[in-house]
Amino acid sequence: VIINVEIRASPSQYQSKADLVFVIPVMIKSQPPQSGAHKANGPNPTAIAPSERNQLATIYVGSLDEKVTELILWELMVQVGPVKHVYIPHDRVTGQQYGYGFVEFVVESDAVYASKVMNMVRLYGKAIHVQPSTTASNQASGGADSKAKWNMDVGANLYISNLHPDV
């Protein structure tokens, strides 16, 4: 399965008159770890005990399209770093998604990097919102060392040349 991920830089960020759009095809070919989060019948929120989860390595992913599954979200986020657990909550009665999910990475720095790189990436035509999970934000604001981790610079520069002067 191939899905197109669209990265859009708005004019207000780069003082240009046109959006910069990059469409990256992502092929879903690998399988997520079968540690319990990905079952054929849907998510299993009790697969990883809450005491075993690393909240500083967890990000919140909002504005998900209804077509996004845990497998697709896992495959998208594994582009940033190794993913430990993916969870998209569903309504118990209707079975519909709430439109958000949580991704836990193996390393905390991957969660920081994902929150900076994957924010506002378009998935199925909708811009997803990626940020540290609420609990992780509260813990990160507690200490200077963990606060510095959330202020890490991405370190990527994009240079574009030979553009028309009006752009």
N, C-alpha and C. Protein backbone atom coordinates (compact mmCIF):
# COMPACT_ATOMS: atom_id res chain seq x y z
N VAL A 1 0.84 -1.17 0.00
CA VAL A 1 0.00 0.00 0.00
C VAL A 1 0.89 1.23 0.00
N ILE A 2 0.59 2.17 -0.87
CA ILE A 2 1.35 3.42 -0.92
C ILE A 2 0.40 4.57 -0.59
N ILE A 3 0.79 5.41 0.38
CA ILE A 3 0.03 6.60 0.71
C ILE A 3 0.92 7.80 0.46
N ASN A 4 0.31 8.91 0.08
CA ASN A 4 1.05 10.14 -0.15
C ASN A 4 0.98 11.02 1.08
N VAL A 5 2.12 11.46 1.56
CA VAL A 5 2.22 12.37 2.69
C VAL A 5 2.64 13.72 2.12
N GLU A 6 1.88 14.75 2.43
CA GLU A 6 2.14 16.08 1.89
C GLU A 6 2.69 16.98 2.97
N ILE A 7 3.84 17.59 2.72
CA ILE A 7 4.44 18.55 3.64
C ILE A 7 4.30 19.92 3.00
N ARG A 8 3.67 20.84 3.72
CA ARG A 8 3.38 22.16 3.17
C ARG A 8 3.98 23.23 4.09
N ALA A 9 4.72 24.14 3.50
CA ALA A 9 5.26 25.29 4.22
C ALA A 9 4.42 26.49 3.84
N SER A 10 3.82 27.11 4.83
CA SER A 10 2.91 28.23 4.54
C SER A 10 3.70 29.49 4.22
N PRO A 11 3.07 30.41 3.47
CA PRO A 11 3.76 31.64 3.09
C PRO A 11 4.19 32.49 4.29
N SER A 12 3.42 32.46 5.38
CA SER A 12 3.77 33.29 6.53
C SER A 12 5.08 32.85 7.17
N GLN A 13 5.44 31.58 7.02
CA GLN A 13 6.68 31.10 7.60
C GLN A 13 7.89 31.54 6.79
N TYR A 14 7.76 31.69 5.49
CA TYR A 14 8.90 31.95 4.63
C TYR A 14 8.77 33.24 3.82
N GLN A 15 7.85 34.10 4.16
CA GLN A 15 7.64 35.39 3.51
C GLN A 15 7.58 35.27 1.98
N SER A 16 6.95 34.24 1.50
CA SER A 16 6.75 34.11 0.06
C SER A 16 5.26 34.17 -0.23
N LYS A 17 4.92 34.29 -1.50
CA LYS A 17 3.52 34.42 -1.89
C LYS A 17 2.87 33.09 -2.23
N ALA A 18 3.66 32.04 -2.31
CA ALA A 18 3.11 30.73 -2.68
C ALA A 18 3.55 29.68 -1.67
N ASP A 19 2.71 28.68 -1.49
CA ASP A 19 3.05 27.57 -0.61
C ASP A 19 4.10 26.69 -1.26
N LEU A 20 5.00 26.17 -0.45
CA LEU A 20 5.94 25.17 -0.90
C LEU A 20 5.35 23.82 -0.52
N VAL A 21 5.17 22.94 -1.48
CA VAL A 21 4.51 21.66 -1.23
C VAL A 21 5.44 20.53 -1.68
N PHE A 22 5.64 19.58 -0.78
CA PHE A 22 6.41 18.39 -1.08
C PHE A 22 5.51 17.19 -0.84
N VAL A 23 5.33 16.34 -1.84
CA VAL A 23 4.53 15.13 -1.70
C VAL A 23 5.49 13.95 -1.69
N ILE A 24 5.46 13.21 -0.59
CA ILE A 24 6.37 12.09 -0.40
C ILE A 24 5.55 10.81 -0.37
N PRO A 25 5.74 9.90 -1.33
CA PRO A 25 5.03 8.62 -1.24
C PRO A 25 5.68 7.74 -0.19
N VAL A 26 4.86 7.15 0.67
CA VAL A 26 5.33 6.25 1.72
C VAL A 26 4.73 4.89 1.45
N MET A 27 5.59 3.89 1.29
CA MET A 27 5.11 2.54 1.05
C MET A 27 5.04 1.79 2.36
N ILE A 28 3.88 1.22 2.63
CA ILE A 28 3.71 0.42 3.83
C ILE A 28 4.03 -1.02 3.46
N LYS A 29 5.20 -1.48 3.93
CA LYS A 29 5.62 -2.81 3.58
C LYS A 29 6.06 -3.63 4.78
N SER A 30 6.44 -2.95 5.85
CA SER A 30 6.90 -3.67 7.02
C SER A 30 5.76 -3.84 8.01
N GLN A 31 5.93 -4.74 8.93
CA GLN A 31 4.91 -5.04 9.92
C GLN A 31 5.31 -4.46 11.26
N PRO A 32 4.35 -3.92 12.00
CA PRO A 32 4.67 -3.40 13.33
C PRO A 32 4.99 -4.54 14.28
N PRO A 33 5.64 -4.23 15.38
CA PRO A 33 5.93 -5.28 16.34
C PRO A 33 4.63 -5.86 16.89
N GLN A 34 4.60 -7.16 17.07
CA GLN A 34 3.39 -7.85 17.52
C GLN A 34 3.35 -7.98 19.03
N SER A 35 3.71 -6.91 19.74
CA SER A 35 3.76 -6.97 21.19
C SER A 35 2.39 -6.84 21.83
N GLY A 36 1.35 -6.70 21.04
CA GLY A 36 0.02 -6.67 21.62
C GLY A 36 -0.80 -5.47 21.20
N ALA A 37 -0.17 -4.40 20.75
CA ALA A 37 -0.93 -3.21 20.40
C ALA A 37 -1.66 -3.39 19.08
N HIS A 38 -1.15 -4.24 18.21
CA HIS A 38 -1.75 -4.41 16.90
C HIS A 38 -2.30 -5.82 16.79
N LYS A 39 -3.56 -5.98 16.99
CA LYS A 39 -4.22 -7.28 16.86
C LYS A 39 -5.16 -7.20 15.67
N ALA A 40 -5.58 -8.33 15.18
CA ALA A 40 -6.50 -8.35 14.05
C ALA A 40 -7.85 -7.76 14.41
N ASN A 41 -8.23 -7.82 15.68
CA ASN A 41 -9.53 -7.32 16.11
C ASN A 41 -9.49 -5.87 16.54
N GLY A 42 -8.37 -5.21 16.44
CA GLY A 42 -8.29 -3.81 16.81
C GLY A 42 -7.30 -3.59 17.94
N PRO A 43 -7.27 -2.38 18.50
CA PRO A 43 -6.26 -2.04 19.50
C PRO A 43 -6.50 -2.76 20.82
N ASN A 44 -5.43 -2.95 21.53
CA ASN A 44 -5.50 -3.55 22.85
C ASN A 44 -4.79 -2.60 23.81
N PRO A 45 -5.53 -1.66 24.44
CA PRO A 45 -4.88 -0.65 25.26
C PRO A 45 -4.21 -1.22 26.49
N THR A 46 -4.51 -2.44 26.87
CA THR A 46 -3.88 -3.02 28.05
C THR A 46 -2.64 -3.82 27.70
N ALA A 47 -2.21 -3.79 26.43
CA ALA A 47 -1.05 -4.58 26.02
C ALA A 47 0.20 -4.14 26.75
N ILE A 48 0.38 -2.85 26.95
CA ILE A 48 1.51 -2.32 27.68
C ILE A 48 0.95 -1.62 28.91
N ALA A 49 1.36 -2.07 30.06
CA ALA A 49 0.86 -1.48 31.30
C ALA A 49 1.25 -0.02 31.37
N PRO A 50 0.36 0.85 31.90
CA PRO A 50 0.69 2.28 31.99
C PRO A 50 1.98 2.55 32.76
N SER A 51 2.32 1.71 33.72
CA SER A 51 3.55 1.93 34.47
C SER A 51 4.79 1.67 33.62
N GLU A 52 4.64 0.88 32.54
CA GLU A 52 5.76 0.56 31.67
C GLU A 52 5.92 1.57 30.53
N ARG A 53 4.96 2.45 30.35
CA ARG A 53 5.02 3.42 29.26
C ARG A 53 5.90 4.61 29.64
N ASN A 54 6.64 5.09 28.69
CA ASN A 54 7.49 6.26 28.89
C ASN A 54 6.75 7.47 28.35
N GLN A 55 6.19 8.28 29.22
CA GLN A 55 5.39 9.43 28.80
C GLN A 55 6.22 10.49 28.09
N LEU A 56 7.51 10.59 28.41
CA LEU A 56 8.36 11.56 27.73
C LEU A 56 8.68 11.13 26.30
N ALA A 57 8.50 9.86 26.00
CA ALA A 57 8.75 9.36 24.65
C ALA A 57 7.45 9.21 23.87
N THR A 58 6.34 9.78 24.39
CA THR A 58 5.03 9.64 23.77
C THR A 58 4.59 10.97 23.18
N ILE A 59 4.02 10.91 21.97
CA ILE A 59 3.48 12.10 21.33
C ILE A 59 1.99 11.91 21.08
N TYR A 60 1.29 13.03 21.01
CA TYR A 60 -0.13 13.08 20.67
C TYR A 60 -0.22 13.41 19.19
N VAL A 61 -1.05 12.69 18.45
CA VAL A 61 -1.25 12.95 17.02
C VAL A 61 -2.74 13.23 16.84
N GLY A 62 -3.08 14.47 16.49
CA GLY A 62 -4.47 14.87 16.36
C GLY A 62 -4.87 15.13 14.92
N SER A 63 -6.16 15.34 14.72
CA SER A 63 -6.75 15.61 13.41
C SER A 63 -6.52 14.46 12.43
N LEU A 64 -6.66 13.24 12.92
CA LEU A 64 -6.49 12.08 12.05
C LEU A 64 -7.75 11.83 11.23
N ASP A 65 -7.56 11.49 9.97
CA ASP A 65 -8.67 11.10 9.12
C ASP A 65 -9.20 9.75 9.58
N GLU A 66 -10.46 9.49 9.30
CA GLU A 66 -11.06 8.22 9.72
C GLU A 66 -10.45 7.01 9.04
N LYS A 67 -9.74 7.22 7.91
CA LYS A 67 -9.11 6.11 7.21
C LYS A 67 -7.77 5.69 7.82
N VAL A 68 -7.23 6.52 8.71
CA VAL A 68 -5.93 6.22 9.30
C VAL A 68 -6.09 5.10 10.32
N THR A 69 -5.27 4.07 10.16
CA THR A 69 -5.27 2.95 11.09
C THR A 69 -3.99 3.00 11.93
N GLU A 70 -3.93 2.14 12.94
CA GLU A 70 -2.72 2.08 13.75
C GLU A 70 -1.52 1.66 12.91
N LEU A 71 -1.74 0.78 11.95
CA LEU A 71 -0.65 0.34 11.08
C LEU A 71 -0.11 1.49 10.23
N ILE A 72 -1.00 2.31 9.67
CA ILE A 72 -0.57 3.45 8.86
C ILE A 72 0.17 4.47 9.72
N LEU A 73 -0.38 4.75 10.91
CA LEU A 73 0.28 5.71 11.81
C LEU A 73 1.64 5.17 12.25
N TRP A 74 1.71 3.88 12.52
CA TRP A 74 2.99 3.27 12.91
C TRP A 74 4.00 3.41 11.77
N GLU A 75 3.57 3.13 10.56
CA GLU A 75 4.49 3.19 9.41
C GLU A 75 4.95 4.62 9.14
N LEU A 76 4.09 5.59 9.34
CA LEU A 76 4.48 6.99 9.15
C LEU A 76 5.50 7.42 10.21
N MET A 77 5.25 7.06 11.46
CA MET A 77 6.13 7.51 12.54
C MET A 77 7.44 6.73 12.61
N VAL A 78 7.47 5.53 12.07
CA VAL A 78 8.72 4.77 12.08
C VAL A 78 9.74 5.40 11.14
N GLN A 79 9.29 6.32 10.28
CA GLN A 79 10.21 7.07 9.42
C GLN A 79 11.08 8.00 10.26
N VAL A 80 10.59 8.37 11.45
CA VAL A 80 11.32 9.28 12.35
C VAL A 80 12.23 8.51 13.29
N GLY A 81 11.74 7.39 13.80
CA GLY A 81 12.53 6.59 14.74
C GLY A 81 11.77 5.34 15.13
N PRO A 82 12.42 4.44 15.87
CA PRO A 82 11.77 3.20 16.28
C PRO A 82 10.56 3.44 17.17
N VAL A 83 9.44 2.83 16.79
CA VAL A 83 8.18 3.01 17.51
C VAL A 83 7.95 1.81 18.42
N LYS A 84 7.57 2.10 19.65
CA LYS A 84 7.31 1.04 20.62
C LYS A 84 5.84 0.66 20.69
N HIS A 85 4.95 1.68 20.59
CA HIS A 85 3.52 1.43 20.79
C HIS A 85 2.70 2.51 20.07
N VAL A 86 1.62 2.11 19.42
CA VAL A 86 0.69 3.03 18.76
C VAL A 86 -0.71 2.72 19.27
N TYR A 87 -1.46 3.76 19.61
CA TYR A 87 -2.82 3.55 20.10
C TYR A 87 -3.74 4.65 19.53
N ILE A 88 -4.79 4.24 18.83
CA ILE A 88 -5.84 5.15 18.35
C ILE A 88 -7.13 4.74 19.06
N PRO A 89 -7.64 5.56 19.97
CA PRO A 89 -8.85 5.18 20.70
C PRO A 89 -10.09 5.20 19.80
N HIS A 90 -11.01 4.28 20.10
CA HIS A 90 -12.27 4.15 19.38
C HIS A 90 -13.43 4.27 20.35
N ASP A 91 -14.56 4.72 19.83
CA ASP A 91 -15.79 4.75 20.62
C ASP A 91 -16.23 3.31 20.87
N ARG A 92 -16.61 3.00 22.10
CA ARG A 92 -16.97 1.62 22.44
C ARG A 92 -18.27 1.19 21.80
N VAL A 93 -19.19 2.12 21.58
CA VAL A 93 -20.49 1.78 21.03
C VAL A 93 -20.45 1.71 19.51
N THR A 94 -19.98 2.77 18.87
CA THR A 94 -20.01 2.84 17.41
C THR A 94 -18.77 2.25 16.76
N GLY A 95 -17.66 2.18 17.49
CA GLY A 95 -16.42 1.67 16.92
C GLY A 95 -15.67 2.69 16.09
N GLN A 96 -16.18 3.92 16.01
CA GLN A 96 -15.52 4.96 15.22
C GLN A 96 -14.36 5.56 16.01
N GLN A 97 -13.37 6.02 15.27
CA GLN A 97 -12.22 6.66 15.89
C GLN A 97 -12.60 8.03 16.41
N TYR A 98 -11.88 8.47 17.43
CA TYR A 98 -12.07 9.82 17.96
C TYR A 98 -11.30 10.86 17.16
N GLY A 99 -10.40 10.45 16.28
CA GLY A 99 -9.65 11.39 15.45
C GLY A 99 -8.30 11.77 16.01
N TYR A 100 -7.83 11.04 17.02
CA TYR A 100 -6.50 11.31 17.55
C TYR A 100 -5.87 9.98 17.98
N GLY A 101 -4.59 10.03 18.26
CA GLY A 101 -3.90 8.83 18.70
C GLY A 101 -2.63 9.19 19.45
N PHE A 102 -1.98 8.16 19.97
CA PHE A 102 -0.73 8.33 20.71
C PHE A 102 0.31 7.39 20.15
N VAL A 103 1.53 7.89 20.03
CA VAL A 103 2.64 7.09 19.54
C VAL A 103 3.75 7.17 20.57
N GLU A 104 4.21 6.00 21.03
CA GLU A 104 5.33 5.95 21.97
C GLU A 104 6.56 5.46 21.22
N PHE A 105 7.62 6.23 21.32
CA PHE A 105 8.89 5.88 20.69
C PHE A 105 9.78 5.17 21.69
N VAL A 106 10.79 4.51 21.20
CA VAL A 106 11.74 3.82 22.07
C VAL A 106 12.60 4.84 22.81
N VAL A 107 12.98 5.91 22.12
CA VAL A 107 13.87 6.92 22.67
C VAL A 107 13.12 8.25 22.76
N GLU A 108 13.35 8.99 23.84
CA GLU A 108 12.67 10.27 24.04
C GLU A 108 13.01 11.29 22.96
N SER A 109 14.25 11.29 22.50
CA SER A 109 14.66 12.27 21.49
C SER A 109 13.91 12.07 20.17
N ASP A 110 13.51 10.83 19.87
CA ASP A 110 12.72 10.59 18.66
C ASP A 110 11.34 11.21 18.77
N ALA A 111 10.77 11.22 19.97
CA ALA A 111 9.47 11.86 20.18
C ALA A 111 9.58 13.37 19.99
N VAL A 112 10.65 13.94 20.48
CA VAL A 112 10.88 15.38 20.30
C VAL A 112 11.03 15.70 18.82
N TYR A 113 11.83 14.90 18.13
CA TYR A 113 12.07 15.10 16.71
C TYR A 113 10.78 14.94 15.91
N ALA A 114 9.98 13.93 16.23
CA ALA A 114 8.71 13.70 15.53
C ALA A 114 7.75 14.85 15.74
N SER A 115 7.72 15.41 16.94
CA SER A 115 6.80 16.52 17.19
C SER A 115 7.18 17.76 16.39
N LYS A 116 8.43 17.90 16.05
CA LYS A 116 8.86 19.04 15.25
C LYS A 116 8.76 18.78 13.75
N VAL A 117 9.07 17.57 13.31
CA VAL A 117 9.11 17.27 11.88
C VAL A 117 7.74 16.90 11.33
N MET A 118 6.97 16.11 12.06
CA MET A 118 5.71 15.58 11.54
C MET A 118 4.50 16.49 11.77
N ASN A 119 4.68 17.57 12.52
CA ASN A 119 3.56 18.48 12.75
C ASN A 119 3.13 19.14 11.45
N MET A 120 1.84 19.13 11.17
CA MET A 120 1.21 19.74 10.00
C MET A 120 1.50 18.98 8.70
N VAL A 121 1.96 17.74 8.79
CA VAL A 121 2.10 16.89 7.61
C VAL A 121 0.70 16.45 7.20
N ARG A 122 0.41 16.46 5.90
CA ARG A 122 -0.92 16.06 5.42
C ARG A 122 -0.98 14.56 5.21
N LEU A 123 -1.98 13.96 5.80
CA LEU A 123 -2.22 12.52 5.68
C LEU A 123 -3.66 12.35 5.28
N TYR A 124 -3.89 11.76 4.10
CA TYR A 124 -5.23 11.65 3.50
C TYR A 124 -5.88 13.03 3.36
N GLY A 125 -5.08 14.03 3.01
CA GLY A 125 -5.60 15.36 2.75
C GLY A 125 -5.84 16.22 3.98
N LYS A 126 -5.58 15.70 5.18
CA LYS A 126 -5.78 16.47 6.42
C LYS A 126 -4.43 16.68 7.10
N ALA A 127 -4.20 17.91 7.55
CA ALA A 127 -2.96 18.21 8.27
C ALA A 127 -3.06 17.64 9.67
N ILE A 128 -2.12 16.78 10.03
CA ILE A 128 -2.13 16.20 11.38
C ILE A 128 -1.40 17.13 12.33
N HIS A 129 -1.80 17.13 13.58
CA HIS A 129 -1.17 17.94 14.62
C HIS A 129 -0.40 16.99 15.53
N VAL A 130 0.90 17.20 15.61
CA VAL A 130 1.76 16.35 16.41
C VAL A 130 2.40 17.21 17.49
N GLN A 131 2.26 16.75 18.73
CA GLN A 131 2.84 17.47 19.86
C GLN A 131 3.10 16.48 20.98
N PRO A 132 3.94 16.86 21.93
CA PRO A 132 4.15 15.97 23.07
C PRO A 132 2.82 15.71 23.78
N SER A 133 2.66 14.51 24.32
CA SER A 133 1.41 14.20 25.02
C SER A 133 1.28 15.11 26.24
N THR A 134 0.06 15.32 26.70
CA THR A 134 -0.20 16.25 27.81
C THR A 134 0.59 15.88 29.05
N THR A 135 0.60 14.61 29.38
CA THR A 135 1.33 14.17 30.56
C THR A 135 2.82 14.41 30.37
N ALA A 136 3.31 14.16 29.17
CA ALA A 136 4.73 14.37 28.90
C ALA A 136 5.07 15.86 28.99
N SER A 137 4.17 16.73 28.54
CA SER A 137 4.42 18.17 28.63
C SER A 137 4.50 18.60 30.08
N ASN A 138 3.62 18.07 30.92
CA ASN A 138 3.64 18.42 32.33
C ASN A 138 4.91 17.93 33.00
N GLN A 139 5.37 16.72 32.68
CA GLN A 139 6.60 16.20 33.26
C GLN A 139 7.80 16.96 32.74
N ALA A 140 7.76 17.34 31.46
CA ALA A 140 8.90 18.04 30.87
C ALA A 140 9.08 19.42 31.47
N SER A 141 8.01 20.04 31.91
CA SER A 141 8.13 21.37 32.49
C SER A 141 8.65 21.32 33.92
N GLY A 142 8.76 20.13 34.50
CA GLY A 142 9.19 20.01 35.89
C GLY A 142 10.67 20.19 36.09
N GLY A 143 11.50 19.64 35.24
CA GLY A 143 12.95 19.71 35.46
C GLY A 143 13.66 20.39 34.32
N ALA A 144 14.83 20.93 34.63
CA ALA A 144 15.60 21.64 33.61
C ALA A 144 16.14 20.69 32.56
N ASP A 145 16.57 19.49 32.99
CA ASP A 145 17.14 18.54 32.04
C ASP A 145 16.10 18.06 31.04
N SER A 146 14.92 17.68 31.54
CA SER A 146 13.89 17.19 30.63
C SER A 146 13.28 18.32 29.82
N LYS A 147 13.30 19.53 30.37
CA LYS A 147 12.78 20.67 29.61
C LYS A 147 13.68 20.96 28.42
N ALA A 148 14.97 20.79 28.59
CA ALA A 148 15.90 21.03 27.50
C ALA A 148 15.68 20.04 26.36
N LYS A 149 15.24 18.82 26.69
CA LYS A 149 15.00 17.82 25.66
C LYS A 149 13.87 18.25 24.74
N TRP A 150 12.86 18.93 25.27
CA TRP A 150 11.72 19.33 24.44
C TRP A 150 12.02 20.60 23.66
N ASN A 151 13.12 21.27 23.92
CA ASN A 151 13.49 22.47 23.18
C ASN A 151 14.61 22.19 22.18
N MET A 152 14.80 20.92 21.83
CA MET A 152 15.85 20.54 20.89
C MET A 152 15.55 21.11 19.51
N ASP A 153 16.57 21.60 18.84
CA ASP A 153 16.43 22.11 17.49
C ASP A 153 16.48 20.94 16.51
N VAL A 154 15.65 21.01 15.46
CA VAL A 154 15.60 19.93 14.47
C VAL A 154 16.89 19.86 13.69
N GLY A 155 17.45 20.99 13.31
CA GLY A 155 18.72 21.00 12.61
C GLY A 155 18.64 20.77 11.12
N ALA A 156 17.49 20.97 10.52
CA ALA A 156 17.35 20.77 9.08
C ALA A 156 17.17 22.13 8.41
N ASN A 157 17.93 22.37 7.36
CA ASN A 157 17.80 23.60 6.59
C ASN A 157 17.38 23.24 5.18
N LEU A 158 16.50 24.05 4.61
CA LEU A 158 16.03 23.83 3.25
C LEU A 158 16.43 25.05 2.43
N TYR A 159 17.23 24.82 1.40
CA TYR A 159 17.67 25.90 0.53
C TYR A 159 17.05 25.70 -0.84
N ILE A 160 16.40 26.74 -1.35
CA ILE A 160 15.78 26.70 -2.67
C ILE A 160 16.33 27.87 -3.46
N SER A 161 16.81 27.57 -4.67
CA SER A 161 17.40 28.63 -5.49
C SER A 161 16.67 28.72 -6.81
N ASN A 162 16.98 29.74 -7.58
CA ASN A 162 16.41 29.99 -8.90
C ASN A 162 14.91 30.18 -8.87
N LEU A 163 14.41 30.81 -7.83
CA LEU A 163 12.99 31.10 -7.75
C LEU A 163 12.71 32.45 -8.40
N HIS A 164 11.51 32.60 -8.89
CA HIS A 164 11.10 33.87 -9.45
C HIS A 164 11.10 34.92 -8.34
N PRO A 165 11.46 36.17 -8.63
CA PRO A 165 11.53 37.21 -7.58
C PRO A 165 10.20 37.45 -6.86
N ASP A 166 9.06 37.14 -7.49
CA ASP A 166 7.78 37.36 -6.85
C ASP A 166 7.43 36.26 -5.83
N VAL A 167 8.18 35.18 -5.84
CA VAL A 167 7.86 34.06 -4.94
C VAL A 167 8.47 34.32 -3.59
